[in-house]
């Protein structure tokens, strides 16, 4: 694999991360408004992780931090 191929893959993954984050921000807002349930939010998360090829090790995708205030590292 060439440096250019690695750079293209990294850029593609970055774009996928941005798309995933935008999608999940909208889903999070729907969840907060009570339009969707926790279960529906989790289904959306799973579907779009697959669509955008988001790895479980991605820093931005910890659903526990979104759903449960006591799972984060910051006090409210």
PDB file of N, CA and C in Angstrom:
ATOM      1  N   UNK A   1       0.849  -1.170   0.000  1.00  0.00           N
ATOM      2  CA  UNK A   1       0.000   0.000   0.000  1.00  0.00           C
ATOM      3  C   UNK A   1       0.899   1.240   0.000  1.00  0.00           C
ATOM      4  N   UNK A   2       0.596   2.173  -0.885  1.00  0.00           N
ATOM      5  CA  UNK A   2       1.408   3.384  -0.992  1.00  0.00           C
ATOM      6  C   UNK A   2       0.961   4.427   0.020  1.00  0.00           C
ATOM      7  N   UNK A   3       1.818   5.437   0.202  1.00  0.00           N
ATOM      8  CA  UNK A   3       1.477   6.541   1.099  1.00  0.00           C
ATOM      9  C   UNK A   3       0.204   7.247   0.639  1.00  0.00           C
ATOM     10  N   UNK A   4       0.035   7.374  -0.668  1.00  0.00           N
ATOM     11  CA  UNK A   4      -1.158   8.024  -1.208  1.00  0.00           C
ATOM     12  C   UNK A   4      -2.411   7.216  -0.875  1.00  0.00           C
ATOM     13  N   UNK A   5      -2.330   5.902  -1.000  1.00  0.00           N
ATOM     14  CA  UNK A   5      -3.474   5.047  -0.671  1.00  0.00           C
ATOM     15  C   UNK A   5      -3.839   5.162   0.813  1.00  0.00           C
ATOM     16  N   UNK A   6      -2.832   5.222   1.655  1.00  0.00           N
ATOM     17  CA  UNK A   6      -3.065   5.370   3.095  1.00  0.00           C
ATOM     18  C   UNK A   6      -3.720   6.719   3.377  1.00  0.00           C
ATOM     19  N   UNK A   7      -3.222   7.771   2.727  1.00  0.00           N
ATOM     20  CA  UNK A   7      -3.795   9.110   2.917  1.00  0.00           C
ATOM     21  C   UNK A   7      -5.241   9.167   2.453  1.00  0.00           C
ATOM     22  N   UNK A   8      -5.544   8.541   1.323  1.00  0.00           N
ATOM     23  CA  UNK A   8      -6.920   8.514   0.811  1.00  0.00           C
ATOM     24  C   UNK A   8      -7.820   7.761   1.786  1.00  0.00           C
ATOM     25  N   UNK A   9      -7.336   6.634   2.293  1.00  0.00           N
ATOM     26  CA  UNK A   9      -8.128   5.860   3.247  1.00  0.00           C
ATOM     27  C   UNK A   9      -8.363   6.649   4.534  1.00  0.00           C
ATOM     28  N   UNK A  10      -7.333   7.346   5.004  1.00  0.00           N
ATOM     29  CA  UNK A  10      -7.463   8.150   6.221  1.00  0.00           C
ATOM     30  C   UNK A  10      -8.460   9.286   6.005  1.00  0.00           C
ATOM     31  N   UNK A  11      -8.413   9.922   4.835  1.00  0.00           N
ATOM     32  CA  UNK A  11      -9.351  10.996   4.530  1.00  0.00           C
ATOM     33  C   UNK A  11     -10.779  10.467   4.435  1.00  0.00           C
ATOM     34  N   UNK A  12     -10.931   9.318   3.811  1.00  0.00           N
ATOM     35  CA  UNK A  12     -12.253   8.700   3.692  1.00  0.00           C
ATOM     36  C   UNK A  12     -12.815   8.359   5.071  1.00  0.00           C
ATOM     37  N   UNK A  13     -11.967   7.824   5.943  1.00  0.00           N
ATOM     38  CA  UNK A  13     -12.413   7.486   7.297  1.00  0.00           C
ATOM     39  C   UNK A  13     -12.792   8.754   8.061  1.00  0.00           C
ATOM     40  N   UNK A  14     -12.041   9.819   7.876  1.00  0.00           N
ATOM     41  CA  UNK A  14     -12.350  11.095   8.537  1.00  0.00           C
ATOM     42  C   UNK A  14     -13.709  11.614   8.061  1.00  0.00           C
ATOM     43  N   UNK A  15     -13.979  11.524   6.773  1.00  0.00           N
ATOM     44  CA  UNK A  15     -15.271  11.943   6.237  1.00  0.00           C
ATOM     45  C   UNK A  15     -16.394  11.081   6.816  1.00  0.00           C
ATOM     46  N   UNK A  16     -16.155   9.782   6.899  1.00  0.00           N
ATOM     47  CA  UNK A  16     -17.149   8.886   7.486  1.00  0.00           C
ATOM     48  C   UNK A  16     -17.412   9.225   8.951  1.00  0.00           C
ATOM     49  N   UNK A  17     -16.353   9.552   9.684  1.00  0.00           N
ATOM     50  CA  UNK A  17     -16.507   9.952  11.092  1.00  0.00           C
ATOM     51  C   UNK A  17     -17.385  11.197  11.193  1.00  0.00           C
ATOM     52  N   UNK A  18     -17.148  12.174  10.329  1.00  0.00           N
ATOM     53  CA  UNK A  18     -17.940  13.411  10.342  1.00  0.00           C
ATOM     54  C   UNK A  18     -19.403  13.129  10.019  1.00  0.00           C
ATOM     55  N   UNK A  19     -19.635  12.309   9.010  1.00  0.00           N
ATOM     56  CA  UNK A  19     -21.006  11.956   8.643  1.00  0.00           C
ATOM     57  C   UNK A  19     -21.696  11.211   9.781  1.00  0.00           C
ATOM     58  N   UNK A  20     -20.977  10.293  10.390  1.00  0.00           N
ATOM     59  CA  UNK A  20     -21.528   9.540  11.515  1.00  0.00           C
ATOM     60  C   UNK A  20     -21.870  10.480  12.668  1.00  0.00           C
ATOM     61  N   UNK A  21     -20.955  11.379  12.998  1.00  0.00           N
ATOM     62  CA  UNK A  21     -21.193  12.300  14.108  1.00  0.00           C
ATOM     63  C   UNK A  21     -22.396  13.197  13.845  1.00  0.00           C
ATOM     64  N   UNK A  22     -22.531  13.686  12.627  1.00  0.00           N
ATOM     65  CA  UNK A  22     -23.687  14.505  12.271  1.00  0.00           C
ATOM     66  C   UNK A  22     -24.986  13.740  12.396  1.00  0.00           C
ATOM     67  N   UNK A  23     -24.976  12.526  11.919  1.00  0.00           N
ATOM     68  CA  UNK A  23     -26.155  11.671  12.001  1.00  0.00           C
ATOM     69  C   UNK A  23     -26.531  11.405  13.453  1.00  0.00           C
ATOM     70  N   UNK A  24     -25.538  11.083  14.257  1.00  0.00           N
ATOM     71  CA  UNK A  24     -25.822  10.746  15.647  1.00  0.00           C
ATOM     72  C   UNK A  24     -26.205  11.979  16.462  1.00  0.00           C
ATOM     73  N   UNK A  25     -25.748  13.141  16.081  1.00  0.00           N
ATOM     74  CA  UNK A  25     -26.174  14.371  16.752  1.00  0.00           C
ATOM     75  C   UNK A  25     -27.672  14.578  16.535  1.00  0.00           C
ATOM     76  N   UNK A  26     -28.125  14.352  15.307  1.00  0.00           N
ATOM     77  CA  UNK A  26     -29.558  14.461  15.027  1.00  0.00           C
ATOM     78  C   UNK A  26     -30.338  13.407  15.822  1.00  0.00           C
ATOM     79  N   UNK A  27     -29.830  12.184  15.869  1.00  0.00           N
ATOM     80  CA  UNK A  27     -30.507  11.127  16.613  1.00  0.00           C
ATOM     81  C   UNK A  27     -30.538  11.452  18.110  1.00  0.00           C
ATOM     82  N   UNK A  28     -29.451  12.011  18.616  1.00  0.00           N
ATOM     83  CA  UNK A  28     -29.390  12.381  20.032  1.00  0.00           C
ATOM     84  C   UNK A  28     -30.445  13.442  20.350  1.00  0.00           C
ATOM     85  N   UNK A  29     -30.614  14.394  19.456  1.00  0.00           N
ATOM     86  CA  UNK A  29     -31.638  15.415  19.657  1.00  0.00           C
ATOM     87  C   UNK A  29     -33.034  14.809  19.658  1.00  0.00           C
ATOM     88  N   UNK A  30     -33.273  13.857  18.768  1.00  0.00           N
ATOM     89  CA  UNK A  30     -34.567  13.165  18.743  1.00  0.00           C
ATOM     90  C   UNK A  30     -34.795  12.399  20.045  1.00  0.00           C
ATOM     91  N   UNK A  31     -33.744  11.792  20.555  1.00  0.00           N
ATOM     92  CA  UNK A  31     -33.825  11.063  21.815  1.00  0.00           C
ATOM     93  C   UNK A  31     -34.154  12.018  22.963  1.00  0.00           C
ATOM     94  N   UNK A  32     -33.460  13.138  23.033  1.00  0.00           N
ATOM     95  CA  UNK A  32     -33.701  14.128  24.092  1.00  0.00           C
ATOM     96  C   UNK A  32     -35.121  14.675  24.047  1.00  0.00           C
ATOM     97  N   UNK A  33     -35.669  14.807  22.843  1.00  0.00           N
ATOM     98  CA  UNK A  33     -37.025  15.324  22.683  1.00  0.00           C
ATOM     99  C   UNK A  33     -38.086  14.264  22.936  1.00  0.00           C
ATOM    100  N   UNK A  34     -37.674  13.030  23.128  1.00  0.00           N
ATOM    101  CA  UNK A  34     -38.602  11.944  23.375  1.00  0.00           C
ATOM    102  C   UNK A  34     -39.272  11.413  22.119  1.00  0.00           C
ATOM    103  N   UNK A  35     -38.746  11.798  20.964  1.00  0.00           N
ATOM    104  CA  UNK A  35     -39.327  11.351  19.686  1.00  0.00           C
ATOM    105  C   UNK A  35     -38.949   9.906  19.397  1.00  0.00           C
ATOM    106  N   UNK A  36     -37.741   9.515  19.806  1.00  0.00           N
ATOM    107  CA  UNK A  36     -37.311   8.123  19.673  1.00  0.00           C
ATOM    108  C   UNK A  36     -36.939   7.586  21.047  1.00  0.00           C
ATOM    109  N   UNK A  37     -36.988   6.288  21.193  1.00  0.00           N
ATOM    110  CA  UNK A  37     -36.651   5.625  22.461  1.00  0.00           C
ATOM    111  C   UNK A  37     -35.158   5.306  22.517  1.00  0.00           C
ATOM    112  N   UNK A  38     -34.707   4.899  23.701  1.00  0.00           N
ATOM    113  CA  UNK A  38     -33.314   4.459  23.854  1.00  0.00           C
ATOM    114  C   UNK A  38     -33.001   3.306  22.905  1.00  0.00           C
ATOM    115  N   UNK A  39     -33.947   2.386  22.774  1.00  0.00           N
ATOM    116  CA  UNK A  39     -33.735   1.230  21.907  1.00  0.00           C
ATOM    117  C   UNK A  39     -33.609   1.661  20.445  1.00  0.00           C
ATOM    118  N   UNK A  40     -34.449   2.607  20.024  1.00  0.00           N
ATOM    119  CA  UNK A  40     -34.368   3.096  18.647  1.00  0.00           C
ATOM    120  C   UNK A  40     -33.053   3.834  18.416  1.00  0.00           C
ATOM    121  N   UNK A  41     -32.614   4.588  19.412  1.00  0.00           N
ATOM    122  CA  UNK A  41     -31.329   5.284  19.307  1.00  0.00           C
ATOM    123  C   UNK A  41     -30.201   4.271  19.118  1.00  0.00           C
ATOM    124  N   UNK A  42     -30.223   3.216  19.894  1.00  0.00           N
ATOM    125  CA  UNK A  42     -29.185   2.189  19.786  1.00  0.00           C
ATOM    126  C   UNK A  42     -29.225   1.507  18.421  1.00  0.00           C
ATOM    127  N   UNK A  43     -30.430   1.296  17.873  1.00  0.00           N
ATOM    128  CA  UNK A  43     -30.550   0.709  16.535  1.00  0.00           C
ATOM    129  C   UNK A  43     -29.956   1.653  15.483  1.00  0.00           C
ATOM    130  N   UNK A  44     -30.240   2.933  15.616  1.00  0.00           N
ATOM    131  CA  UNK A  44     -29.686   3.926  14.690  1.00  0.00           C
ATOM    132  C   UNK A  44     -28.173   3.919  14.784  1.00  0.00           C
ATOM    133  N   UNK A  45     -27.661   3.903  16.012  1.00  0.00           N
ATOM    134  CA  UNK A  45     -26.213   3.874  16.231  1.00  0.00           C
ATOM    135  C   UNK A  45     -25.587   2.669  15.536  1.00  0.00           C
ATOM    136  N   UNK A  46     -26.182   1.516  15.718  1.00  0.00           N
ATOM    137  CA  UNK A  46     -25.655   0.286  15.108  1.00  0.00           C
ATOM    138  C   UNK A  46     -25.687   0.362  13.590  1.00  0.00           C
ATOM    139  N   UNK A  47     -26.820   0.805  13.035  1.00  0.00           N
ATOM    140  CA  UNK A  47     -26.950   0.881  11.575  1.00  0.00           C
ATOM    141  C   UNK A  47     -25.911   1.823  10.959  1.00  0.00           C
ATOM    142  N   UNK A  48     -25.733   2.987  11.581  1.00  0.00           N
ATOM    143  CA  UNK A  48     -24.827   3.954  10.981  1.00  0.00           C
ATOM    144  C   UNK A  48     -23.362   3.659  11.273  1.00  0.00           C
ATOM    145  N   UNK A  49     -23.069   2.940  12.361  1.00  0.00           N
ATOM    146  CA  UNK A  49     -21.699   2.458  12.560  1.00  0.00           C
ATOM    147  C   UNK A  49     -21.320   1.535  11.408  1.00  0.00           C
ATOM    148  N   UNK A  50     -22.270   0.678  11.020  1.00  0.00           N
ATOM    149  CA  UNK A  50     -22.015  -0.244   9.915  1.00  0.00           C
ATOM    150  C   UNK A  50     -21.908   0.518   8.593  1.00  0.00           C
ATOM    151  N   UNK A  51     -22.836   1.431   8.352  1.00  0.00           N
ATOM    152  CA  UNK A  51     -22.847   2.171   7.091  1.00  0.00           C
ATOM    153  C   UNK A  51     -21.547   2.943   6.890  1.00  0.00           C
ATOM    154  N   UNK A  52     -21.089   3.614   7.934  1.00  0.00           N
ATOM    155  CA  UNK A  52     -19.897   4.456   7.817  1.00  0.00           C
ATOM    156  C   UNK A  52     -18.617   3.741   8.244  1.00  0.00           C
ATOM    157  N   UNK A  53     -18.702   2.450   8.511  1.00  0.00           N
ATOM    158  CA  UNK A  53     -17.540   1.634   8.893  1.00  0.00           C
ATOM    159  C   UNK A  53     -16.793   2.241  10.078  1.00  0.00           C
ATOM    160  N   UNK A  54     -17.566   2.566  11.115  1.00  0.00           N
ATOM    161  CA  UNK A  54     -16.985   3.142  12.322  1.00  0.00           C
ATOM    162  C   UNK A  54     -16.552   1.998  13.229  1.00  0.00           C
ATOM    163  N   UNK A  55     -15.310   2.053  13.676  1.00  0.00           N
ATOM    164  CA  UNK A  55     -14.808   0.978  14.528  1.00  0.00           C
ATOM    165  C   UNK A  55     -15.259   1.218  15.968  1.00  0.00           C
ATOM    166  N   UNK A  56     -15.323   0.164  16.723  1.00  0.00           N
ATOM    167  CA  UNK A  56     -15.714   0.280  18.128  1.00  0.00           C
ATOM    168  C   UNK A  56     -14.675   1.027  18.944  1.00  0.00           C
ATOM    169  N   UNK A  57     -13.469   1.160  18.438  1.00  0.00           N
ATOM    170  CA  UNK A  57     -12.426   1.854  19.180  1.00  0.00           C
ATOM    171  C   UNK A  57     -12.431   3.361  18.940  1.00  0.00           C
ATOM    172  N   UNK A  58     -13.340   3.847  18.104  1.00  0.00           N
ATOM    173  CA  UNK A  58     -13.401   5.277  17.826  1.00  0.00           C
ATOM    174  C   UNK A  58     -13.717   6.048  19.093  1.00  0.00           C
ATOM    175  N   UNK A  59     -12.986   7.109  19.326  1.00  0.00           N
ATOM    176  CA  UNK A  59     -13.169   7.884  20.543  1.00  0.00           C
ATOM    177  C   UNK A  59     -14.535   8.541  20.637  1.00  0.00           C
ATOM    178  N   UNK A  60     -15.116   8.877  19.507  1.00  0.00           N
ATOM    179  CA  UNK A  60     -16.329   9.675  19.505  1.00  0.00           C
ATOM    180  C   UNK A  60     -17.617   8.886  19.657  1.00  0.00           C
ATOM    181  N   UNK A  61     -17.577   7.593  19.768  1.00  0.00           N
ATOM    182  CA  UNK A  61     -18.813   6.822  19.641  1.00  0.00           C
ATOM    183  C   UNK A  61     -19.200   6.050  20.892  1.00  0.00           C
ATOM    184  N   UNK A  62     -18.878   6.537  22.063  1.00  0.00           N
ATOM    185  CA  UNK A  62     -19.242   5.818  23.266  1.00  0.00           C
ATOM    186  C   UNK A  62     -20.660   6.187  23.665  1.00  0.00           C
ATOM    187  N   UNK A  63     -21.601   5.325  23.346  1.00  0.00           N
ATOM    188  CA  UNK A  63     -23.020   5.583  23.594  1.00  0.00           C
ATOM    189  C   UNK A  63     -23.311   5.766  25.080  1.00  0.00           C
ATOM    190  N   UNK A  64     -22.540   5.134  25.949  1.00  0.00           N
ATOM    191  CA  UNK A  64     -22.780   5.268  27.387  1.00  0.00           C
ATOM    192  C   UNK A  64     -22.609   6.710  27.840  1.00  0.00           C
ATOM    193  N   UNK A  65     -21.719   7.448  27.223  1.00  0.00           N
ATOM    194  CA  UNK A  65     -21.519   8.841  27.597  1.00  0.00           C
ATOM    195  C   UNK A  65     -22.704   9.704  27.202  1.00  0.00           C
ATOM    196  N   UNK A  66     -23.401   9.305  26.163  1.00  0.00           N
ATOM    197  CA  UNK A  66     -24.558  10.058  25.703  1.00  0.00           C
ATOM    198  C   UNK A  66     -25.773   9.743  26.568  1.00  0.00           C
ATOM    199  N   UNK A  67     -25.984   8.492  26.869  1.00  0.00           N
ATOM    200  CA  UNK A  67     -27.207   8.073  27.549  1.00  0.00           C
ATOM    201  C   UNK A  67     -27.140   8.222  29.058  1.00  0.00           C
ATOM    202  N   UNK A  68     -25.987   8.029  29.650  1.00  0.00           N
ATOM    203  CA  UNK A  68     -25.892   7.971  31.098  1.00  0.00           C
ATOM    204  C   UNK A  68     -24.899   9.005  31.605  1.00  0.00           C
ATOM    205  N   UNK A  69     -25.397   9.966  32.327  1.00  0.00           N
ATOM    206  CA  UNK A  69     -24.541  11.065  32.803  1.00  0.00           C
ATOM    207  C   UNK A  69     -23.413  10.593  33.698  1.00  0.00           C
ATOM    208  N   UNK A  70     -23.611   9.523  34.427  1.00  0.00           N
ATOM    209  CA  UNK A  70     -22.587   9.073  35.371  1.00  0.00           C
ATOM    210  C   UNK A  70     -21.476   8.247  34.731  1.00  0.00           C
ATOM    211  N   UNK A  71     -21.518   8.035  33.406  1.00  0.00           N
ATOM    212  CA  UNK A  71     -20.476   7.258  32.722  1.00  0.00           C
ATOM    213  C   UNK A  71     -19.379   8.145  32.134  1.00  0.00           C
ATOM    214  N   UNK A  72     -19.511   9.429  32.224  1.00  0.00           N
ATOM    215  CA  UNK A  72     -18.516  10.337  31.658  1.00  0.00           C
ATOM    216  C   UNK A  72     -17.418  10.636  32.676  1.00  0.00           C
ATOM    217  N   UNK A  73     -16.479  11.471  32.264  1.00  0.00           N
ATOM    218  CA  UNK A  73     -15.392  11.835  33.153  1.00  0.00           C
ATOM    219  C   UNK A  73     -15.488  13.288  33.600  1.00  0.00           C
ATOM    220  N   UNK A  74     -16.637  13.926  33.358  1.00  0.00           N
ATOM    221  CA  UNK A  74     -16.840  15.309  33.756  1.00  0.00           C
ATOM    222  C   UNK A  74     -18.091  15.407  34.612  1.00  0.00           C
ATOM    223  N   UNK A  75     -18.028  16.220  35.637  1.00  0.00           N
ATOM    224  CA  UNK A  75     -19.226  16.406  36.459  1.00  0.00           C
ATOM    225  C   UNK A  75     -20.109  17.464  35.813  1.00  0.00           C
ATOM    226  N   UNK A  76     -21.400  17.420  36.134  1.00  0.00           N
ATOM    227  CA  UNK A  76     -22.366  18.363  35.562  1.00  0.00           C
ATOM    228  C   UNK A  76     -22.712  19.419  36.558  1.00  0.00           C
TER     229      UNK A  76
END
